PDB file of all heavy atoms in Angstrom:
ATOM      1  N   ASN A   1      31.857 -59.163-169.616  1.00  0.00           N
ATOM      2  CA  ASN A   1      30.975 -60.329-169.557  1.00  0.00           C
ATOM      3  C   ASN A   1      29.571 -59.998-170.069  1.00  0.00           C
ATOM      4  O   ASN A   1      28.752 -60.891-170.247  1.00  0.00           O
ATOM      5  CB  ASN A   1      30.890 -60.858-168.126  1.00  0.00           C
ATOM      6  CG  ASN A   1      32.210 -61.445-167.661  1.00  0.00           C
ATOM      7  OD1 ASN A   1      32.974 -61.964-168.461  1.00  0.00           O
ATOM      8  ND2 ASN A   1      32.486 -61.343-166.372  1.00  0.00           N
ATOM      9  N   ASN A   2      29.302 -58.719-170.279  1.00  0.00           N
ATOM     10  CA  ASN A   2      28.010 -58.276-170.800  1.00  0.00           C
ATOM     11  C   ASN A   2      27.951 -58.558-172.299  1.00  0.00           C
ATOM     12  O   ASN A   2      28.847 -58.172-173.047  1.00  0.00           O
ATOM     13  CB  ASN A   2      27.842 -56.774-170.521  1.00  0.00           C
ATOM     14  CG  ASN A   2      26.476 -56.258-170.914  1.00  0.00           C
ATOM     15  OD1 ASN A   2      25.796 -56.817-171.767  1.00  0.00           O
ATOM     16  ND2 ASN A   2      26.079 -55.181-170.282  1.00  0.00           N
ATOM     17  N   GLY A   3      26.896 -59.224-172.743  1.00  0.00           N
ATOM     18  CA  GLY A   3      26.766 -59.587-174.156  1.00  0.00           C
ATOM     19  C   GLY A   3      26.691 -58.387-175.079  1.00  0.00           C
ATOM     20  O   GLY A   3      27.229 -58.418-176.192  1.00  0.00           O
ATOM     21  N   LEU A   4      26.020 -57.303-174.634  1.00  0.00           N
ATOM     22  CA  LEU A   4      25.906 -56.116-175.485  1.00  0.00           C
ATOM     23  C   LEU A   4      27.266 -55.447-175.662  1.00  0.00           C
ATOM     24  O   LEU A   4      27.605 -54.994-176.767  1.00  0.00           O
ATOM     25  CB  LEU A   4      24.895 -55.133-174.890  1.00  0.00           C
ATOM     26  CG  LEU A   4      24.588 -53.906-175.734  1.00  0.00           C
ATOM     27  CD1 LEU A   4      24.007 -54.319-177.086  1.00  0.00           C
ATOM     28  CD2 LEU A   4      23.648 -52.976-175.009  1.00  0.00           C
ATOM     29  N   VAL A   5      28.063 -55.400-174.608  1.00  0.00           N
ATOM     30  CA  VAL A   5      29.408 -54.827-174.720  1.00  0.00           C
ATOM     31  C   VAL A   5      30.240 -55.656-175.696  1.00  0.00           C
ATOM     32  O   VAL A   5      30.977 -55.113-176.531  1.00  0.00           O
ATOM     33  CB  VAL A   5      30.085 -54.754-173.334  1.00  0.00           C
ATOM     34  CG1 VAL A   5      31.552 -54.371-173.460  1.00  0.00           C
ATOM     35  CG2 VAL A   5      29.349 -53.768-172.448  1.00  0.00           C
ATOM     36  N   ARG A   6      30.119 -56.959-175.608  1.00  0.00           N
ATOM     37  CA  ARG A   6      30.854 -57.826-176.537  1.00  0.00           C
ATOM     38  C   ARG A   6      30.420 -57.584-177.979  1.00  0.00           C
ATOM     39  O   ARG A   6      31.254 -57.554-178.891  1.00  0.00           O
ATOM     40  CB  ARG A   6      30.645 -59.290-176.161  1.00  0.00           C
ATOM     41  CG  ARG A   6      31.314 -59.688-174.871  1.00  0.00           C
ATOM     42  CD  ARG A   6      31.068 -61.141-174.555  1.00  0.00           C
ATOM     43  NE  ARG A   6      31.772 -61.534-173.338  1.00  0.00           N
ATOM     44  CZ  ARG A   6      31.866 -62.773-172.916  1.00  0.00           C
ATOM     45  NH1 ARG A   6      31.279 -63.753-173.585  1.00  0.00           N
ATOM     46  NH2 ARG A   6      32.526 -63.057-171.816  1.00  0.00           N
ATOM     47  N   LEU A   7      29.115 -57.417-178.190  1.00  0.00           N
ATOM     48  CA  LEU A   7      28.619 -57.133-179.547  1.00  0.00           C
ATOM     49  C   LEU A   7      29.175 -55.814-180.067  1.00  0.00           C
ATOM     50  O   LEU A   7      29.620 -55.722-181.220  1.00  0.00           O
ATOM     51  CB  LEU A   7      27.088 -57.052-179.531  1.00  0.00           C
ATOM     52  CG  LEU A   7      26.300 -58.296-179.853  1.00  0.00           C
ATOM     53  CD1 LEU A   7      24.814 -58.018-179.690  1.00  0.00           C
ATOM     54  CD2 LEU A   7      26.576 -58.786-181.241  1.00  0.00           C
ATOM     55  N   ILE A   8      29.147 -54.795-179.232  1.00  0.00           N
ATOM     56  CA  ILE A   8      29.613 -53.464-179.650  1.00  0.00           C
ATOM     57  C   ILE A   8      31.095 -53.507-179.999  1.00  0.00           C
ATOM     58  O   ILE A   8      31.516 -53.015-181.047  1.00  0.00           O
ATOM     59  CB  ILE A   8      29.314 -52.433-178.546  1.00  0.00           C
ATOM     60  CG1 ILE A   8      27.807 -52.171-178.471  1.00  0.00           C
ATOM     61  CG2 ILE A   8      30.069 -51.130-178.791  1.00  0.00           C
ATOM     62  CD1 ILE A   8      27.383 -51.327-177.294  1.00  0.00           C
ATOM     63  N   VAL A   9      31.900 -54.105-179.130  1.00  0.00           N
ATOM     64  CA  VAL A   9      33.347 -54.160-179.382  1.00  0.00           C
ATOM     65  C   VAL A   9      33.650 -54.982-180.630  1.00  0.00           C
ATOM     66  O   VAL A   9      34.473 -54.593-181.465  1.00  0.00           O
ATOM     67  CB  VAL A   9      34.082 -54.725-178.143  1.00  0.00           C
ATOM     68  CG1 VAL A   9      35.539 -55.006-178.446  1.00  0.00           C
ATOM     69  CG2 VAL A   9      33.957 -53.766-176.975  1.00  0.00           C
ATOM     70  N   SER A  10      32.987 -56.108-180.786  1.00  0.00           N
ATOM     71  CA  SER A  10      33.243 -56.971-181.939  1.00  0.00           C
ATOM     72  C   SER A  10      32.894 -56.282-183.250  1.00  0.00           C
ATOM     73  O   SER A  10      33.656 -56.358-184.225  1.00  0.00           O
ATOM     74  CB  SER A  10      32.442 -58.265-181.810  1.00  0.00           C
ATOM     75  OG  SER A  10      32.794 -58.957-180.650  1.00  0.00           O
ATOM     76  N   HIS A  11      31.748 -55.620-183.294  1.00  0.00           N
ATOM     77  CA  HIS A  11      31.360 -54.934-184.520  1.00  0.00           C
ATOM     78  C   HIS A  11      32.253 -53.720-184.784  1.00  0.00           C
ATOM     79  O   HIS A  11      32.554 -53.401-185.938  1.00  0.00           O
ATOM     80  CB  HIS A  11      29.902 -54.500-184.448  1.00  0.00           C
ATOM     81  CG  HIS A  11      28.937 -55.620-184.660  1.00  0.00           C
ATOM     82  ND1 HIS A  11      28.525 -56.444-183.647  1.00  0.00           N
ATOM     83  CD2 HIS A  11      28.307 -56.061-185.768  1.00  0.00           C
ATOM     84  CE1 HIS A  11      27.684 -57.347-184.117  1.00  0.00           C
ATOM     85  NE2 HIS A  11      27.540 -57.146-185.410  1.00  0.00           N
ATOM     86  N   ALA A  12      32.655 -53.045-183.719  1.00  0.00           N
ATOM     87  CA  ALA A  12      33.484 -51.854-183.897  1.00  0.00           C
ATOM     88  C   ALA A  12      34.870 -52.199-184.418  1.00  0.00           C
ATOM     89  O   ALA A  12      35.475 -51.405-185.140  1.00  0.00           O
ATOM     90  CB  ALA A  12      33.601 -51.094-182.580  1.00  0.00           C
ATOM     91  N   MET A  13      35.370 -53.380-184.102  1.00  0.00           N
ATOM     92  CA  MET A  13      36.728 -53.730-184.532  1.00  0.00           C
ATOM     93  C   MET A  13      36.861 -53.750-186.052  1.00  0.00           C
ATOM     94  O   MET A  13      37.884 -53.350-186.593  1.00  0.00           O
ATOM     95  CB  MET A  13      37.134 -55.094-183.961  1.00  0.00           C
ATOM     96  CG  MET A  13      37.462 -55.093-182.501  1.00  0.00           C
ATOM     97  SD  MET A  13      38.789 -53.954-182.082  1.00  0.00           S
ATOM     98  CE  MET A  13      37.919 -52.663-181.249  1.00  0.00           C
ATOM     99  N   PHE A  14      35.835 -54.187-186.744  1.00  0.00           N
ATOM    100  CA  PHE A  14      35.885 -54.174-188.204  1.00  0.00           C
ATOM    101  C   PHE A  14      35.722 -52.746-188.730  1.00  0.00           C
ATOM    102  O   PHE A  14      36.419 -52.330-189.655  1.00  0.00           O
ATOM    103  CB  PHE A  14      34.781 -55.071-188.768  1.00  0.00           C
ATOM    104  CG  PHE A  14      34.733 -55.073-190.267  1.00  0.00           C
ATOM    105  CD1 PHE A  14      35.641 -55.821-191.003  1.00  0.00           C
ATOM    106  CD2 PHE A  14      33.804 -54.317-190.946  1.00  0.00           C
ATOM    107  CE1 PHE A  14      35.606 -55.812-192.394  1.00  0.00           C
ATOM    108  CE2 PHE A  14      33.759 -54.309-192.328  1.00  0.00           C
ATOM    109  CZ  PHE A  14      34.668 -55.057-193.045  1.00  0.00           C
ATOM    110  N   SER A  15      34.822 -51.996-188.117  1.00  0.00           N
ATOM    111  CA  SER A  15      34.527 -50.648-188.606  1.00  0.00           C
ATOM    112  C   SER A  15      35.661 -49.671-188.344  1.00  0.00           C
ATOM    113  O   SER A  15      35.805 -48.697-189.073  1.00  0.00           O
ATOM    114  CB  SER A  15      33.241 -50.134-187.951  1.00  0.00           C
ATOM    115  OG  SER A  15      32.187 -51.026-188.182  1.00  0.00           O
ATOM    116  N   VAL A  16      36.439 -49.902-187.302  1.00  0.00           N
ATOM    117  CA  VAL A  16      37.541 -48.999-186.985  1.00  0.00           C
ATOM    118  C   VAL A  16      38.510 -48.901-188.157  1.00  0.00           C
ATOM    119  O   VAL A  16      38.998 -47.815-188.490  1.00  0.00           O
ATOM    120  CB  VAL A  16      38.271 -49.465-185.698  1.00  0.00           C
ATOM    121  CG1 VAL A  16      39.630 -48.817-185.567  1.00  0.00           C
ATOM    122  CG2 VAL A  16      37.441 -49.146-184.480  1.00  0.00           C
ATOM    123  N   ALA A  17      38.792 -50.013-188.795  1.00  0.00           N
ATOM    124  CA  ALA A  17      39.722 -50.011-189.933  1.00  0.00           C
ATOM    125  C   ALA A  17      39.193 -49.139-191.066  1.00  0.00           C
ATOM    126  O   ALA A  17      39.948 -48.353-191.663  1.00  0.00           O
ATOM    127  CB  ALA A  17      39.966 -51.437-190.412  1.00  0.00           C
ATOM    128  N   VAL A  18      37.917 -49.257-191.362  1.00  0.00           N
ATOM    129  CA  VAL A  18      37.328 -48.470-192.450  1.00  0.00           C
ATOM    130  C   VAL A  18      37.398 -46.983-192.124  1.00  0.00           C
ATOM    131  O   VAL A  18      37.825 -46.158-192.950  1.00  0.00           O
ATOM    132  CB  VAL A  18      35.868 -48.915-192.702  1.00  0.00           C
ATOM    133  CG1 VAL A  18      35.207 -48.045-193.742  1.00  0.00           C
ATOM    134  CG2 VAL A  18      35.820 -50.371-193.114  1.00  0.00           C
ATOM    135  N   VAL A  19      36.991 -46.612-190.901  1.00  0.00           N
ATOM    136  CA  VAL A  19      37.010 -45.205-190.502  1.00  0.00           C
ATOM    137  C   VAL A  19      38.440 -44.670-190.508  1.00  0.00           C
ATOM    138  O   VAL A  19      38.696 -43.556-190.972  1.00  0.00           O
ATOM    139  CB  VAL A  19      36.357 -45.036-189.112  1.00  0.00           C
ATOM    140  CG1 VAL A  19      36.492 -43.602-188.619  1.00  0.00           C
ATOM    141  CG2 VAL A  19      34.905 -45.446-189.150  1.00  0.00           C
ATOM    142  N   THR A  20      39.375 -45.449-190.003  1.00  0.00           N
ATOM    143  CA  THR A  20      40.775 -44.999-189.937  1.00  0.00           C
ATOM    144  C   THR A  20      41.316 -44.687-191.322  1.00  0.00           C
ATOM    145  O   THR A  20      41.945 -43.634-191.534  1.00  0.00           O
ATOM    146  CB  THR A  20      41.649 -46.064-189.260  1.00  0.00           C
ATOM    147  OG1 THR A  20      41.163 -46.306-187.952  1.00  0.00           O
ATOM    148  CG2 THR A  20      43.097 -45.623-189.182  1.00  0.00           C
ATOM    149  N   PHE A  21      41.076 -45.567-192.274  1.00  0.00           N
ATOM    150  CA  PHE A  21      41.612 -45.336-193.623  1.00  0.00           C
ATOM    151  C   PHE A  21      40.935 -44.144-194.298  1.00  0.00           C
ATOM    152  O   PHE A  21      41.569 -43.402-195.049  1.00  0.00           O
ATOM    153  CB  PHE A  21      41.489 -46.592-194.470  1.00  0.00           C
ATOM    154  CG  PHE A  21      42.435 -47.687-194.040  1.00  0.00           C
ATOM    155  CD1 PHE A  21      42.014 -49.004-193.980  1.00  0.00           C
ATOM    156  CD2 PHE A  21      43.736 -47.404-193.690  1.00  0.00           C
ATOM    157  CE1 PHE A  21      42.881 -50.014-193.585  1.00  0.00           C
ATOM    158  CE2 PHE A  21      44.618 -48.402-193.299  1.00  0.00           C
ATOM    159  CZ  PHE A  21      44.187 -49.707-193.245  1.00  0.00           C
ATOM    160  N   ILE A  22      39.647 -43.936-194.045  1.00  0.00           N
ATOM    161  CA  ILE A  22      38.953 -42.788-194.632  1.00  0.00           C
ATOM    162  C   ILE A  22      39.479 -41.487-194.040  1.00  0.00           C
ATOM    163  O   ILE A  22      39.772 -40.525-194.758  1.00  0.00           O
ATOM    164  CB  ILE A  22      37.426 -42.917-194.434  1.00  0.00           C
ATOM    165  CG1 ILE A  22      36.880 -44.059-195.289  1.00  0.00           C
ATOM    166  CG2 ILE A  22      36.714 -41.618-194.770  1.00  0.00           C
ATOM    167  CD1 ILE A  22      35.439 -44.397-195.015  1.00  0.00           C
ATOM    168  N   VAL A  23      39.604 -41.441-192.715  1.00  0.00           N
ATOM    169  CA  VAL A  23      40.096 -40.225-192.057  1.00  0.00           C
ATOM    170  C   VAL A  23      41.552 -39.959-192.448  1.00  0.00           C
ATOM    171  O   VAL A  23      41.937 -38.811-192.692  1.00  0.00           O
ATOM    172  CB  VAL A  23      39.938 -40.338-190.528  1.00  0.00           C
ATOM    173  CG1 VAL A  23      40.637 -39.195-189.812  1.00  0.00           C
ATOM    174  CG2 VAL A  23      38.469 -40.369-190.153  1.00  0.00           C
ATOM    175  N   ARG A  24      42.343 -41.008-192.533  1.00  0.00           N
ATOM    176  CA  ARG A  24      43.750 -40.837-192.928  1.00  0.00           C
ATOM    177  C   ARG A  24      43.843 -40.232-194.332  1.00  0.00           C
ATOM    178  O   ARG A  24      44.644 -39.321-194.568  1.00  0.00           O
ATOM    179  CB  ARG A  24      44.461 -42.183-192.894  1.00  0.00           C
ATOM    180  CG  ARG A  24      45.886 -42.115-193.347  1.00  0.00           C
ATOM    181  CD  ARG A  24      46.486 -43.482-193.434  1.00  0.00           C
ATOM    182  NE  ARG A  24      47.866 -43.448-193.846  1.00  0.00           N
ATOM    183  CZ  ARG A  24      48.587 -44.504-194.112  1.00  0.00           C
ATOM    184  NH1 ARG A  24      48.054 -45.705-194.014  1.00  0.00           N
ATOM    185  NH2 ARG A  24      49.827 -44.403-194.484  1.00  0.00           N
ATOM    186  N   ALA A  25      43.050 -40.741-195.253  1.00  0.00           N
ATOM    187  CA  ALA A  25      43.078 -40.214-196.617  1.00  0.00           C
ATOM    188  C   ALA A  25      42.623 -38.755-196.647  1.00  0.00           C
ATOM    189  O   ALA A  25      43.183 -37.939-197.390  1.00  0.00           O
ATOM    190  CB  ALA A  25      42.189 -41.060-197.521  1.00  0.00           C
ATOM    191  N   ARG A  26      41.610 -38.425-195.841  1.00  0.00           N
ATOM    192  CA  ARG A  26      41.111 -37.043-195.830  1.00  0.00           C
ATOM    193  C   ARG A  26      42.099 -36.097-195.173  1.00  0.00           C
ATOM    194  O   ARG A  26      42.298 -34.971-195.619  1.00  0.00           O
ATOM    195  CB  ARG A  26      39.764 -37.002-195.105  1.00  0.00           C
ATOM    196  CG  ARG A  26      39.013 -35.762-195.350  1.00  0.00           C
ATOM    197  CD  ARG A  26      38.601 -35.669-196.822  1.00  0.00           C
ATOM    198  NE  ARG A  26      38.452 -34.295-197.199  1.00  0.00           N
ATOM    199  CZ  ARG A  26      39.112 -33.705-198.177  1.00  0.00           C
ATOM    200  NH1 ARG A  26      39.961 -34.361-198.908  1.00  0.00           N
ATOM    201  NH2 ARG A  26      38.927 -32.453-198.455  1.00  0.00           N
ATOM    202  N   MET A  27      42.726 -36.550-194.087  1.00  0.00           N
ATOM    203  CA  MET A  27      43.683 -35.691-193.377  1.00  0.00           C
ATOM    204  C   MET A  27      44.959 -35.490-194.185  1.00  0.00           C
ATOM    205  O   MET A  27      45.662 -34.500-194.006  1.00  0.00           O
ATOM    206  CB  MET A  27      44.024 -36.298-192.013  1.00  0.00           C
ATOM    207  CG  MET A  27      42.905 -36.233-191.007  1.00  0.00           C
ATOM    208  SD  MET A  27      42.385 -34.564-190.608  1.00  0.00           S
ATOM    209  CE  MET A  27      43.821 -33.951-189.758  1.00  0.00           C
ATOM    210  N   ALA A  28      45.271 -36.414-195.081  1.00  0.00           N
ATOM    211  CA  ALA A  28      46.454 -36.238-195.923  1.00  0.00           C
ATOM    212  C   ALA A  28      46.283 -35.054-196.867  1.00  0.00           C
ATOM    213  O   ALA A  28      47.274 -34.471-197.318  1.00  0.00           O
ATOM    214  CB  ALA A  28      46.725 -37.512-196.718  1.00  0.00           C
ATOM    215  N   GLY A  29      45.032 -34.675-197.155  1.00  0.00           N
ATOM    216  CA  GLY A  29      44.768 -33.545-198.042  1.00  0.00           C
ATOM    217  C   GLY A  29      44.726 -32.207-197.344  1.00  0.00           C
ATOM    218  O   GLY A  29      44.571 -31.175-197.994  1.00  0.00           O
ATOM    219  N   VAL A  30      44.856 -32.196-196.009  1.00  0.00           N
ATOM    220  CA  VAL A  30      44.818 -30.933-195.269  1.00  0.00           C
ATOM    221  C   VAL A  30      46.183 -30.263-195.347  1.00  0.00           C
ATOM    222  O   VAL A  30      47.214 -30.898-195.107  1.00  0.00           O
ATOM    223  CB  VAL A  30      44.410 -31.174-193.803  1.00  0.00           C
ATOM    224  CG1 VAL A  30      44.500 -29.893-192.996  1.00  0.00           C
ATOM    225  CG2 VAL A  30      43.009 -31.733-193.725  1.00  0.00           C
ATOM    226  N   ASP A  31      46.186 -28.996-195.668  1.00  0.00           N
ATOM    227  CA  ASP A  31      47.427 -28.238-195.771  1.00  0.00           C
ATOM    228  C   ASP A  31      48.009 -28.030-194.373  1.00  0.00           C
ATOM    229  O   ASP A  31      47.374 -27.421-193.511  1.00  0.00           O
ATOM    230  CB  ASP A  31      47.145 -26.895-196.446  1.00  0.00           C
ATOM    231  CG  ASP A  31      48.404 -26.137-196.805  1.00  0.00           C
ATOM    232  OD1 ASP A  31      49.504 -26.678-196.583  1.00  0.00           O
ATOM    233  OD2 ASP A  31      48.287 -25.009-197.304  1.00  0.00           O
ATOM    234  N   THR A  32      49.198 -28.534-194.121  1.00  0.00           N
ATOM    235  CA  THR A  32      49.809 -28.436-192.798  1.00  0.00           C
ATOM    236  C   THR A  32      50.176 -27.001-192.440  1.00  0.00           C
ATOM    237  O   THR A  32      50.276 -26.671-191.262  1.00  0.00           O
ATOM    238  CB  THR A  32      51.066 -29.324-192.707  1.00  0.00           C
ATOM    239  OG1 THR A  32      51.964 -28.970-193.754  1.00  0.00           O
ATOM    240  CG2 THR A  32      50.697 -30.789-192.823  1.00  0.00           C
ATOM    241  N   SER A  33      50.364 -26.138-193.429  1.00  0.00           N
ATOM    242  CA  SER A  33      50.684 -24.747-193.117  1.00  0.00           C
ATOM    243  C   SER A  33      49.512 -24.056-192.426  1.00  0.00           C
ATOM    244  O   SER A  33      49.716 -23.151-191.605  1.00  0.00           O
ATOM    245  CB  SER A  33      51.073 -23.987-194.380  1.00  0.00           C
ATOM    246  OG  SER A  33      49.984 -23.912-195.277  1.00  0.00           O
ATOM    247  N   LEU A  34      48.279 -24.483-192.718  1.00  0.00           N
ATOM    248  CA  LEU A  34      47.117 -23.936-192.026  1.00  0.00           C
ATOM    249  C   LEU A  34      47.127 -24.333-190.556  1.00  0.00           C
ATOM    250  O   LEU A  34      46.792 -23.534-189.683  1.00  0.00           O
ATOM    251  CB  LEU A  34      45.825 -24.414-192.694  1.00  0.00           C
ATOM    252  CG  LEU A  34      45.577 -23.945-194.121  1.00  0.00           C
ATOM    253  CD1 LEU A  34      44.321 -24.586-194.680  1.00  0.00           C
ATOM    254  CD2 LEU A  34      45.467 -22.427-194.161  1.00  0.00           C
ATOM    255  N   GLN A  35      47.522 -25.561-190.265  1.00  0.00           N
ATOM    256  CA  GLN A  35      47.597 -25.996-188.878  1.00  0.00           C
ATOM    257  C   GLN A  35      48.710 -25.264-188.142  1.00  0.00           C
ATOM    258  O   GLN A  35      48.555 -24.883-186.982  1.00  0.00           O
ATOM    259  CB  GLN A  35      47.826 -27.503-188.829  1.00  0.00           C
ATOM    260  CG  GLN A  35      46.678 -28.298-189.417  1.00  0.00           C
ATOM    261  CD  GLN A  35      46.981 -29.781-189.502  1.00  0.00           C
ATOM    262  OE1 GLN A  35      48.068 -30.223-189.194  1.00  0.00           O
ATOM    263  NE2 GLN A  35      45.997 -30.545-189.942  1.00  0.00           N
ATOM    264  N   GLU A  36      49.829 -25.049-188.802  1.00  0.00           N
ATOM    265  CA  GLU A  36      50.925 -24.310-188.180  1.00  0.00           C
ATOM    266  C   GLU A  36      50.532 -22.860-187.934  1.00  0.00           C
ATOM    267  O   GLU A  36      50.853 -22.286-186.877  1.00  0.00           O
ATOM    268  CB  GLU A  36      52.163 -24.394-189.064  1.00  0.00           C
ATOM    269  CG  GLU A  36      52.743 -25.787-189.158  1.00  0.00           C
ATOM    270  CD  GLU A  36      53.765 -25.930-190.272  1.00  0.00           C
ATOM    271  OE1 GLU A  36      54.040 -24.926-190.973  1.00  0.00           O
ATOM    272  OE2 GLU A  36      54.281 -27.049-190.450  1.00  0.00           O
ATOM    273  N   ALA A  37      49.837 -22.239-188.874  1.00  0.00           N
ATOM    274  CA  ALA A  37      49.380 -20.863-188.690  1.00  0.00           C
ATOM    275  C   ALA A  37      48.378 -20.778-187.544  1.00  0.00           C
ATOM    276  O   ALA A  37      48.400 -19.822-186.757  1.00  0.00           O
ATOM    277  CB  ALA A  37      48.743 -20.348-189.980  1.00  0.00           C
ATOM    278  N   SER A  38      47.522 -21.762-187.426  1.00  0.00           N
ATOM    279  CA  SER A  38      46.561 -21.800-186.333  1.00  0.00           C
ATOM    280  C   SER A  38      47.262 -21.879-184.988  1.00  0.00           C
ATOM    281  O   SER A  38      46.905 -21.185-184.032  1.00  0.00           O
ATOM    282  CB  SER A  38      45.624 -22.990-186.519  1.00  0.00           C
ATOM    283  OG  SER A  38      44.773 -23.129-185.415  1.00  0.00           O
ATOM    284  N   ALA A  39      48.290 -22.708-184.906  1.00  0.00           N
ATOM    285  CA  ALA A  39      49.056 -22.815-183.661  1.00  0.00           C
ATOM    286  C   ALA A  39      49.791 -21.518-183.367  1.00  0.00           C
ATOM    287  O   ALA A  39      49.878 -21.087-182.206  1.00  0.00           O
ATOM    288  CB  ALA A  39      50.034 -23.983-183.749  1.00  0.00           C
ATOM    289  N   ASP A  40      50.329 -20.849-184.403  1.00  0.00           N
ATOM    290  CA  ASP A  40      51.019 -19.577-184.201  1.00  0.00           C
ATOM    291  C   ASP A  40      50.080 -18.495-183.675  1.00  0.00           C
ATOM    292  O   ASP A  40      50.503 -17.599-182.935  1.00  0.00           O
ATOM    293  CB  ASP A  40      51.659 -19.093-185.509  1.00  0.00           C
ATOM    294  CG  ASP A  40      52.877 -19.916-185.903  1.00  0.00           C
ATOM    295  OD1 ASP A  40      53.409 -20.627-185.028  1.00  0.00           O
ATOM    296  OD2 ASP A  40      53.269 -19.861-187.085  1.00  0.00           O
ATOM    297  N   LEU A  41      48.809 -18.587-184.070  1.00  0.00           N
ATOM    298  CA  LEU A  41      47.829 -17.591-183.625  1.00  0.00           C
ATOM    299  C   LEU A  41      47.206 -17.940-182.272  1.00  0.00           C
ATOM    300  O   LEU A  41      46.313 -17.250-181.811  1.00  0.00           O
ATOM    301  CB  LEU A  41      46.729 -17.439-184.684  1.00  0.00           C
ATOM    302  CG  LEU A  41      47.199 -16.833-186.007  1.00  0.00           C
ATOM    303  CD1 LEU A  41      46.103 -16.907-187.055  1.00  0.00           C
ATOM    304  CD2 LEU A  41      47.640 -15.386-185.794  1.00  0.00           C
ATOM    305  N   GLY A  42      47.666 -19.024-181.656  1.00  0.00           N
ATOM    306  CA  GLY A  42      47.242 -19.339-180.288  1.00  0.00           C
ATOM    307  C   GLY A  42      46.099 -20.320-180.171  1.00  0.00           C
ATOM    308  O   GLY A  42      45.574 -20.517-179.069  1.00  0.00           O
TER     309      GLY A  42
END
């Protein structure tokens, strides 16, 4: 019911899509073997 919370959530809903697609594109370029090696090393 707080107006500021409503403003924050409303504005964030549009921005979430932009951030998600940018992070998804960047994470697609990460070599998964590095993540597996990291997990193997603890």
